[in-house]
């Protein structure tokens, strides 16, 4: 019997679409296609300042979420 590999199409080539595609392919070995009317990452993180600091949101309700995001950036950097 031949294994069926799921094929997923993600509409939106921004940071969210790219992140979803990356982790689906990495963690679940699925075939992912990104589509976007403008292009893949045409204005990636346009609303972000591009500044990452682990303790930037300390003592705020967002501290644990912010640290998780920071750790994911480091994990991605270490994997390449």
N, C-alpha and C. Protein backbone atom coordinates (compact mmCIF):
# COMPACT_ATOMS: atom_id res chain seq x y z
N UNK A 1 0.84 -1.19 0.00
CA UNK A 1 0.00 0.00 0.00
C UNK A 1 0.88 1.25 0.00
N UNK A 2 0.54 2.20 -0.81
CA UNK A 2 1.29 3.44 -0.93
C UNK A 2 0.79 4.42 0.13
N UNK A 3 1.73 5.05 0.83
CA UNK A 3 1.36 6.05 1.83
C UNK A 3 0.86 7.30 1.13
N UNK A 4 -0.20 7.88 1.66
CA UNK A 4 -0.75 9.11 1.11
C UNK A 4 -0.11 10.28 1.85
N UNK A 5 0.52 11.17 1.10
CA UNK A 5 1.13 12.35 1.68
C UNK A 5 0.15 13.50 1.54
N UNK A 6 -0.28 14.08 2.66
CA UNK A 6 -1.22 15.20 2.58
C UNK A 6 -0.60 16.37 1.82
N UNK A 7 -1.41 17.04 1.04
CA UNK A 7 -0.99 18.24 0.33
C UNK A 7 -1.81 19.40 0.86
N UNK A 8 -1.14 20.43 1.29
CA UNK A 8 -1.81 21.57 1.91
C UNK A 8 -1.44 22.83 1.13
N UNK A 9 -2.44 23.65 0.89
CA UNK A 9 -2.23 24.96 0.26
C UNK A 9 -2.53 26.02 1.32
N UNK A 10 -1.60 26.93 1.50
CA UNK A 10 -1.77 28.01 2.47
C UNK A 10 -1.88 29.31 1.69
N UNK A 11 -2.98 30.02 1.90
CA UNK A 11 -3.20 31.31 1.26
C UNK A 11 -2.63 32.39 2.17
N UNK A 12 -1.59 33.03 1.71
CA UNK A 12 -0.96 34.10 2.49
C UNK A 12 0.49 33.77 2.72
N UNK A 13 1.37 34.53 2.12
CA UNK A 13 2.80 34.28 2.21
C UNK A 13 3.53 35.17 3.18
N UNK A 14 2.81 35.67 4.18
CA UNK A 14 3.45 36.50 5.21
C UNK A 14 4.07 35.64 6.29
N UNK A 15 4.37 36.25 7.40
CA UNK A 15 5.05 35.56 8.49
C UNK A 15 4.22 34.41 9.04
N UNK A 16 2.92 34.58 9.13
CA UNK A 16 2.07 33.51 9.66
C UNK A 16 2.01 32.34 8.68
N UNK A 17 1.75 32.62 7.41
CA UNK A 17 1.69 31.55 6.41
C UNK A 17 3.01 30.82 6.27
N UNK A 18 4.11 31.56 6.27
CA UNK A 18 5.43 30.95 6.19
C UNK A 18 5.74 30.09 7.41
N UNK A 19 5.36 30.57 8.57
CA UNK A 19 5.60 29.80 9.80
C UNK A 19 4.80 28.50 9.80
N UNK A 20 3.54 28.60 9.41
CA UNK A 20 2.70 27.40 9.35
C UNK A 20 3.28 26.40 8.35
N UNK A 21 3.67 26.88 7.19
CA UNK A 21 4.24 26.00 6.17
C UNK A 21 5.52 25.34 6.66
N UNK A 22 6.37 26.11 7.28
CA UNK A 22 7.65 25.58 7.78
C UNK A 22 7.42 24.46 8.79
N UNK A 23 6.58 24.73 9.78
CA UNK A 23 6.38 23.73 10.83
C UNK A 23 5.58 22.52 10.37
N UNK A 24 4.66 22.69 9.44
CA UNK A 24 3.95 21.53 8.89
C UNK A 24 4.93 20.62 8.15
N UNK A 25 5.79 21.22 7.36
CA UNK A 25 6.76 20.43 6.60
C UNK A 25 7.79 19.78 7.53
N UNK A 26 8.26 20.54 8.49
CA UNK A 26 9.31 20.04 9.39
C UNK A 26 8.78 18.98 10.35
N UNK A 27 7.66 19.24 10.98
CA UNK A 27 7.17 18.36 12.04
C UNK A 27 6.27 17.23 11.53
N UNK A 28 5.62 17.44 10.39
CA UNK A 28 4.63 16.46 9.93
C UNK A 28 4.90 15.93 8.52
N UNK A 29 5.99 16.36 7.90
CA UNK A 29 6.40 15.89 6.58
C UNK A 29 5.27 15.93 5.56
N UNK A 30 4.58 17.05 5.50
CA UNK A 30 3.51 17.22 4.52
C UNK A 30 4.00 18.13 3.40
N UNK A 31 3.39 17.98 2.25
CA UNK A 31 3.69 18.83 1.10
C UNK A 31 2.87 20.12 1.24
N UNK A 32 3.55 21.25 1.27
CA UNK A 32 2.89 22.53 1.48
C UNK A 32 3.19 23.46 0.31
N UNK A 33 2.15 24.13 -0.18
CA UNK A 33 2.30 25.15 -1.21
C UNK A 33 1.79 26.47 -0.65
N UNK A 34 2.62 27.49 -0.72
CA UNK A 34 2.24 28.83 -0.29
C UNK A 34 1.81 29.64 -1.52
N UNK A 35 0.69 30.31 -1.40
CA UNK A 35 0.27 31.22 -2.47
C UNK A 35 -0.02 32.58 -1.89
N UNK A 36 0.28 33.61 -2.64
CA UNK A 36 0.04 34.98 -2.22
C UNK A 36 -0.06 35.82 -3.48
N UNK A 37 -1.04 36.70 -3.57
CA UNK A 37 -1.21 37.48 -4.81
C UNK A 37 -0.05 38.43 -5.10
N UNK A 38 0.71 38.78 -4.07
CA UNK A 38 1.82 39.72 -4.26
C UNK A 38 3.15 38.97 -4.37
N UNK A 39 3.31 37.91 -3.60
CA UNK A 39 4.56 37.15 -3.58
C UNK A 39 4.81 36.61 -2.19
N UNK A 40 5.80 35.77 -2.07
CA UNK A 40 6.12 35.20 -0.78
C UNK A 40 6.94 36.20 0.02
N UNK A 41 6.46 36.55 1.18
CA UNK A 41 7.10 37.51 2.09
C UNK A 41 7.37 38.86 1.44
N UNK A 42 6.40 39.42 0.73
CA UNK A 42 6.66 40.68 0.04
C UNK A 42 6.86 41.86 0.98
N UNK A 43 6.27 41.78 2.16
CA UNK A 43 6.43 42.85 3.14
C UNK A 43 6.55 42.21 4.52
N UNK A 44 7.37 41.18 4.60
CA UNK A 44 7.49 40.39 5.83
C UNK A 44 7.75 41.27 7.03
N UNK A 45 6.92 41.08 8.02
CA UNK A 45 7.07 41.78 9.30
C UNK A 45 7.10 43.30 9.15
N UNK A 46 6.32 43.82 8.26
CA UNK A 46 6.31 45.27 8.04
C UNK A 46 5.90 46.04 9.30
N UNK A 47 5.12 45.40 10.14
CA UNK A 47 4.66 46.07 11.36
C UNK A 47 5.61 45.86 12.53
N UNK A 48 6.58 44.97 12.38
CA UNK A 48 7.53 44.71 13.46
C UNK A 48 8.72 45.64 13.33
N UNK A 49 9.27 45.98 14.45
CA UNK A 49 10.44 46.84 14.45
C UNK A 49 11.73 46.10 14.14
N UNK A 50 11.64 44.78 14.13
CA UNK A 50 12.83 43.99 13.86
C UNK A 50 13.74 43.88 15.06
N UNK A 51 13.25 44.26 16.23
CA UNK A 51 14.04 44.25 17.44
C UNK A 51 13.65 43.04 18.28
N UNK A 52 14.63 42.22 18.64
CA UNK A 52 14.38 41.06 19.49
C UNK A 52 15.24 41.17 20.74
N UNK A 53 14.59 41.10 21.88
CA UNK A 53 15.30 41.06 23.15
C UNK A 53 14.49 40.16 24.08
N UNK A 54 15.17 39.20 24.70
CA UNK A 54 14.48 38.20 25.52
C UNK A 54 13.71 38.84 26.68
N UNK A 55 14.22 39.89 27.26
CA UNK A 55 13.58 40.46 28.45
C UNK A 55 12.73 41.70 28.16
N UNK A 56 12.42 41.93 26.90
CA UNK A 56 11.71 43.14 26.50
C UNK A 56 10.32 43.26 27.15
N UNK A 57 9.62 42.14 27.35
CA UNK A 57 8.27 42.16 27.91
C UNK A 57 8.21 41.59 29.34
N UNK A 58 9.34 41.56 30.01
CA UNK A 58 9.34 41.03 31.38
C UNK A 58 8.39 41.83 32.27
N UNK A 59 7.84 41.14 33.21
CA UNK A 59 6.88 41.69 34.18
C UNK A 59 5.61 42.21 33.51
N UNK A 60 5.28 41.65 32.35
CA UNK A 60 4.03 41.99 31.69
C UNK A 60 3.25 40.70 31.46
N UNK A 61 1.95 40.80 31.19
CA UNK A 61 1.17 39.59 30.90
C UNK A 61 1.68 38.82 29.68
N UNK A 62 2.47 39.45 28.84
CA UNK A 62 2.98 38.81 27.62
C UNK A 62 4.36 38.19 27.79
N UNK A 63 4.90 38.20 29.01
CA UNK A 63 6.27 37.73 29.21
C UNK A 63 6.49 36.31 28.71
N UNK A 64 5.65 35.36 29.08
CA UNK A 64 5.89 33.97 28.68
C UNK A 64 5.74 33.79 27.17
N UNK A 65 4.76 34.47 26.55
CA UNK A 65 4.59 34.38 25.11
C UNK A 65 5.78 35.00 24.38
N UNK A 66 6.23 36.14 24.86
CA UNK A 66 7.37 36.81 24.25
C UNK A 66 8.63 35.95 24.33
N UNK A 67 8.86 35.34 25.48
CA UNK A 67 10.05 34.49 25.64
C UNK A 67 9.97 33.25 24.75
N UNK A 68 8.77 32.70 24.59
CA UNK A 68 8.60 31.57 23.69
C UNK A 68 8.95 31.96 22.26
N UNK A 69 8.47 33.12 21.82
CA UNK A 69 8.78 33.62 20.49
C UNK A 69 10.27 33.86 20.31
N UNK A 70 10.90 34.42 21.32
CA UNK A 70 12.34 34.66 21.26
C UNK A 70 13.10 33.33 21.13
N UNK A 71 12.68 32.35 21.93
CA UNK A 71 13.33 31.03 21.89
C UNK A 71 13.13 30.35 20.53
N UNK A 72 11.95 30.52 19.92
CA UNK A 72 11.71 29.96 18.59
C UNK A 72 12.63 30.60 17.54
N UNK A 73 12.84 31.91 17.64
CA UNK A 73 13.77 32.58 16.72
C UNK A 73 15.17 31.98 16.86
N UNK A 74 15.58 31.75 18.10
CA UNK A 74 16.91 31.18 18.33
C UNK A 74 16.99 29.75 17.79
N UNK A 75 15.92 28.97 18.00
CA UNK A 75 15.87 27.60 17.47
C UNK A 75 15.99 27.59 15.94
N UNK A 76 15.27 28.49 15.29
CA UNK A 76 15.36 28.59 13.83
C UNK A 76 16.77 28.97 13.39
N UNK A 77 17.36 29.94 14.06
CA UNK A 77 18.71 30.37 13.70
C UNK A 77 19.71 29.23 13.87
N UNK A 78 19.56 28.45 14.94
CA UNK A 78 20.48 27.34 15.19
C UNK A 78 20.29 26.19 14.20
N UNK A 79 19.11 26.09 13.60
CA UNK A 79 18.84 24.96 12.70
C UNK A 79 19.39 25.17 11.29
N UNK A 80 19.84 26.37 10.98
CA UNK A 80 20.35 26.63 9.63
C UNK A 80 21.82 26.81 9.66
